[in-house]
Amino acid sequence: MYQRPYTVEEIKKIYPEKAEILLKDSPHLWRAETGIELIHKEPTLDEQKRIWENWNNMTEEMKSISDTKSRELFGVDNATHYRDIMQHWTA
Protein backbone atom coordinates (compact mmCIF):
# COMPACT_ATOMS: atom_id res chain seq x y z
CA MET A 1 0.00 0.00 0.00
CA TYR A 2 1.34 3.43 -0.98
CA GLN A 3 2.29 5.81 1.83
CA ARG A 4 2.63 9.42 0.72
CA PRO A 5 5.80 11.24 1.73
CA TYR A 6 5.55 13.67 4.62
CA THR A 7 4.09 17.09 3.82
CA VAL A 8 6.07 20.27 4.43
CA GLU A 9 4.24 20.83 7.71
CA GLU A 10 4.84 17.23 8.83
CA ILE A 11 8.55 17.54 8.07
CA LYS A 12 8.72 20.72 10.17
CA LYS A 13 6.94 19.00 13.05
CA ILE A 14 8.71 15.62 12.93
CA TYR A 15 12.23 16.88 12.08
CA PRO A 16 12.41 20.41 13.53
CA GLU A 17 16.22 20.42 13.61
CA LYS A 18 16.57 19.08 10.05
CA ALA A 19 13.50 20.63 8.38
CA GLU A 20 15.30 23.62 6.89
CA ILE A 21 17.96 21.40 5.30
CA LEU A 22 15.43 18.84 4.07
CA LEU A 23 13.20 21.46 2.51
CA LYS A 24 16.11 23.07 0.66
CA ASP A 25 16.76 19.70 -0.98
CA SER A 26 14.87 19.55 -4.30
CA PRO A 27 13.79 15.88 -4.07
CA HIS A 28 12.53 16.23 -0.49
CA LEU A 29 10.68 19.46 -1.18
CA TRP A 30 9.08 18.09 -4.35
CA ARG A 31 7.93 14.93 -2.55
CA ALA A 32 6.49 16.99 0.31
CA GLU A 33 4.64 19.33 -2.04
CA THR A 34 3.27 16.70 -4.43
CA GLY A 35 2.78 13.62 -2.24
CA ILE A 36 4.56 11.58 -4.92
CA GLU A 37 7.56 9.36 -4.19
CA LEU A 38 10.85 10.13 -5.96
CA ILE A 39 13.90 7.89 -5.81
CA HIS A 40 16.94 9.65 -4.40
CA LYS A 41 19.94 8.67 -2.29
CA GLU A 42 18.89 7.86 1.27
CA PRO A 43 21.15 7.67 4.34
CA THR A 44 20.46 3.96 5.01
CA LEU A 45 19.96 0.87 2.91
CA ASP A 46 16.68 0.09 4.70
CA GLU A 47 15.29 3.53 3.84
CA GLN A 48 16.50 3.16 0.24
CA LYS A 49 14.62 -0.10 -0.08
CA ARG A 50 11.56 1.36 1.65
CA ILE A 51 11.18 4.25 -0.79
CA TRP A 52 11.69 1.88 -3.74
CA GLU A 53 8.92 -0.39 -2.49
CA ASN A 54 6.76 2.68 -1.87
CA TRP A 55 7.47 3.96 -5.40
CA ASN A 56 6.41 0.59 -6.82
CA ASN A 57 3.09 0.85 -4.94
CA MET A 58 2.16 4.12 -6.69
CA THR A 59 -0.31 4.34 -9.56
CA GLU A 60 1.06 4.32 -13.09
CA GLU A 61 0.11 8.00 -13.42
CA MET A 62 2.09 8.89 -10.28
CA LYS A 63 5.07 6.87 -11.52
CA SER A 64 4.99 8.75 -14.82
CA ILE A 65 4.95 12.13 -13.04
CA SER A 66 7.78 10.95 -10.77
CA ASP A 67 9.82 9.69 -13.74
CA THR A 68 9.48 13.07 -15.43
CA LYS A 69 10.79 14.81 -12.29
CA SER A 70 13.56 12.22 -11.90
CA ARG A 71 14.75 12.87 -15.47
CA GLU A 72 14.70 16.61 -14.73
CA LEU A 73 16.71 16.30 -11.50
CA PHE A 74 18.93 13.27 -12.15
CA GLY A 75 18.88 12.67 -15.92
CA VAL A 76 17.37 9.18 -15.59
CA ASP A 77 14.05 7.58 -14.65
CA ASN A 78 13.45 6.26 -11.13
CA ALA A 79 14.18 2.59 -11.92
CA THR A 80 17.54 3.47 -13.48
CA HIS A 81 18.36 5.81 -10.62
CA TYR A 82 17.50 3.13 -8.07
CA ARG A 83 19.74 0.58 -9.83
CA ASP A 84 22.59 3.12 -9.91
CA ILE A 85 22.17 3.96 -6.21
CA MET A 86 21.98 0.28 -5.23
CA GLN A 87 25.29 -0.45 -6.97
CA HIS A 88 26.95 1.76 -4.35
CA TRP A 89 25.21 -0.03 -1.48
CA THR A 90 26.26 -3.46 -2.69
CA ALA A 91 29.74 -2.52 -3.95
C-alpha atoms as a PDB file:
ATOM      1  CA  MET A   1       0.000   0.000   0.000  1.00  0.00           C
ATOM      2  CA  TYR A   2       1.341   3.427  -0.980  1.00  0.00           C
ATOM      3  CA  GLN A   3       2.289   5.806   1.829  1.00  0.00           C
ATOM      4  CA  ARG A   4       2.625   9.416   0.716  1.00  0.00           C
ATOM      5  CA  PRO A   5       5.797  11.240   1.725  1.00  0.00           C
ATOM      6  CA  TYR A   6       5.547  13.669   4.624  1.00  0.00           C
ATOM      7  CA  THR A   7       4.094  17.093   3.823  1.00  0.00           C
ATOM      8  CA  VAL A   8       6.073  20.271   4.427  1.00  0.00           C
ATOM      9  CA  GLU A   9       4.238  20.826   7.710  1.00  0.00           C
ATOM     10  CA  GLU A  10       4.836  17.230   8.829  1.00  0.00           C
ATOM     11  CA  ILE A  11       8.551  17.541   8.071  1.00  0.00           C
ATOM     12  CA  LYS A  12       8.724  20.721  10.168  1.00  0.00           C
ATOM     13  CA  LYS A  13       6.936  18.999  13.047  1.00  0.00           C
ATOM     14  CA  ILE A  14       8.711  15.621  12.930  1.00  0.00           C
ATOM     15  CA  TYR A  15      12.226  16.882  12.080  1.00  0.00           C
ATOM     16  CA  PRO A  16      12.405  20.414  13.534  1.00  0.00           C
ATOM     17  CA  GLU A  17      16.225  20.419  13.610  1.00  0.00           C
ATOM     18  CA  LYS A  18      16.566  19.077  10.053  1.00  0.00           C
ATOM     19  CA  ALA A  19      13.505  20.632   8.381  1.00  0.00           C
ATOM     20  CA  GLU A  20      15.298  23.619   6.891  1.00  0.00           C
ATOM     21  CA  ILE A  21      17.963  21.405   5.303  1.00  0.00           C
ATOM     22  CA  LEU A  22      15.435  18.835   4.070  1.00  0.00           C
ATOM     23  CA  LEU A  23      13.196  21.460   2.512  1.00  0.00           C
ATOM     24  CA  LYS A  24      16.109  23.071   0.664  1.00  0.00           C
ATOM     25  CA  ASP A  25      16.763  19.703  -0.976  1.00  0.00           C
ATOM     26  CA  SER A  26      14.868  19.552  -4.300  1.00  0.00           C
ATOM     27  CA  PRO A  27      13.789  15.878  -4.067  1.00  0.00           C
ATOM     28  CA  HIS A  28      12.534  16.233  -0.489  1.00  0.00           C
ATOM     29  CA  LEU A  29      10.681  19.456  -1.180  1.00  0.00           C
ATOM     30  CA  TRP A  30       9.077  18.085  -4.352  1.00  0.00           C
ATOM     31  CA  ARG A  31       7.925  14.927  -2.552  1.00  0.00           C
ATOM     32  CA  ALA A  32       6.489  16.986   0.306  1.00  0.00           C
ATOM     33  CA  GLU A  33       4.643  19.331  -2.037  1.00  0.00           C
ATOM     34  CA  THR A  34       3.269  16.696  -4.430  1.00  0.00           C
ATOM     35  CA  GLY A  35       2.777  13.620  -2.239  1.00  0.00           C
ATOM     36  CA  ILE A  36       4.563  11.579  -4.918  1.00  0.00           C
ATOM     37  CA  GLU A  37       7.565   9.363  -4.189  1.00  0.00           C
ATOM     38  CA  LEU A  38      10.848  10.128  -5.963  1.00  0.00           C
ATOM     39  CA  ILE A  39      13.897   7.886  -5.808  1.00  0.00           C
ATOM     40  CA  HIS A  40      16.940   9.654  -4.401  1.00  0.00           C
ATOM     41  CA  LYS A  41      19.943   8.674  -2.289  1.00  0.00           C
ATOM     42  CA  GLU A  42      18.890   7.857   1.271  1.00  0.00           C
ATOM     43  CA  PRO A  43      21.152   7.667   4.338  1.00  0.00           C
ATOM     44  CA  THR A  44      20.460   3.962   5.006  1.00  0.00           C
ATOM     45  CA  LEU A  45      19.959   0.865   2.905  1.00  0.00           C
ATOM     46  CA  ASP A  46      16.684   0.089   4.696  1.00  0.00           C
ATOM     47  CA  GLU A  47      15.294   3.529   3.837  1.00  0.00           C
ATOM     48  CA  GLN A  48      16.505   3.159   0.241  1.00  0.00           C
ATOM     49  CA  LYS A  49      14.615  -0.104  -0.079  1.00  0.00           C
ATOM     50  CA  ARG A  50      11.555   1.360   1.648  1.00  0.00           C
ATOM     51  CA  ILE A  51      11.183   4.254  -0.787  1.00  0.00           C
ATOM     52  CA  TRP A  52      11.687   1.881  -3.745  1.00  0.00           C
ATOM     53  CA  GLU A  53       8.919  -0.388  -2.486  1.00  0.00           C
ATOM     54  CA  ASN A  54       6.757   2.675  -1.872  1.00  0.00           C
ATOM     55  CA  TRP A  55       7.469   3.956  -5.398  1.00  0.00           C
ATOM     56  CA  ASN A  56       6.411   0.589  -6.821  1.00  0.00           C
ATOM     57  CA  ASN A  57       3.095   0.854  -4.943  1.00  0.00           C
ATOM     58  CA  MET A  58       2.161   4.118  -6.688  1.00  0.00           C
ATOM     59  CA  THR A  59      -0.313   4.342  -9.556  1.00  0.00           C
ATOM     60  CA  GLU A  60       1.062   4.324 -13.094  1.00  0.00           C
ATOM     61  CA  GLU A  61       0.109   7.999 -13.416  1.00  0.00           C
ATOM     62  CA  MET A  62       2.091   8.893 -10.283  1.00  0.00           C
ATOM     63  CA  LYS A  63       5.071   6.869 -11.521  1.00  0.00           C
ATOM     64  CA  SER A  64       4.989   8.751 -14.819  1.00  0.00           C
ATOM     65  CA  ILE A  65       4.950  12.130 -13.036  1.00  0.00           C
ATOM     66  CA  SER A  66       7.776  10.952 -10.774  1.00  0.00           C
ATOM     67  CA  ASP A  67       9.825   9.691 -13.736  1.00  0.00           C
ATOM     68  CA  THR A  68       9.485  13.073 -15.429  1.00  0.00           C
ATOM     69  CA  LYS A  69      10.789  14.807 -12.289  1.00  0.00           C
ATOM     70  CA  SER A  70      13.564  12.218 -11.897  1.00  0.00           C
ATOM     71  CA  ARG A  71      14.752  12.871 -15.466  1.00  0.00           C
ATOM     72  CA  GLU A  72      14.702  16.611 -14.731  1.00  0.00           C
ATOM     73  CA  LEU A  73      16.715  16.303 -11.497  1.00  0.00           C
ATOM     74  CA  PHE A  74      18.932  13.273 -12.149  1.00  0.00           C
ATOM     75  CA  GLY A  75      18.879  12.666 -15.918  1.00  0.00           C
ATOM     76  CA  VAL A  76      17.367   9.180 -15.589  1.00  0.00           C
ATOM     77  CA  ASP A  77      14.054   7.578 -14.653  1.00  0.00           C
ATOM     78  CA  ASN A  78      13.453   6.259 -11.134  1.00  0.00           C
ATOM     79  CA  ALA A  79      14.179   2.593 -11.925  1.00  0.00           C
ATOM     80  CA  THR A  80      17.539   3.469 -13.479  1.00  0.00           C
ATOM     81  CA  HIS A  81      18.360   5.809 -10.618  1.00  0.00           C
ATOM     82  CA  TYR A  82      17.498   3.127  -8.071  1.00  0.00           C
ATOM     83  CA  ARG A  83      19.744   0.580  -9.827  1.00  0.00           C
ATOM     84  CA  ASP A  84      22.588   3.118  -9.910  1.00  0.00           C
ATOM     85  CA  ILE A  85      22.173   3.956  -6.212  1.00  0.00           C
ATOM     86  CA  MET A  86      21.985   0.281  -5.226  1.00  0.00           C
ATOM     87  CA  GLN A  87      25.287  -0.454  -6.967  1.00  0.00           C
ATOM     88  CA  HIS A  88      26.951   1.761  -4.355  1.00  0.00           C
ATOM     89  CA  TRP A  89      25.209  -0.030  -1.478  1.00  0.00           C
ATOM     90  CA  THR A  90      26.262  -3.457  -2.694  1.00  0.00           C
ATOM     91  CA  ALA A  91      29.742  -2.521  -3.952  1.00  0.00           C
END
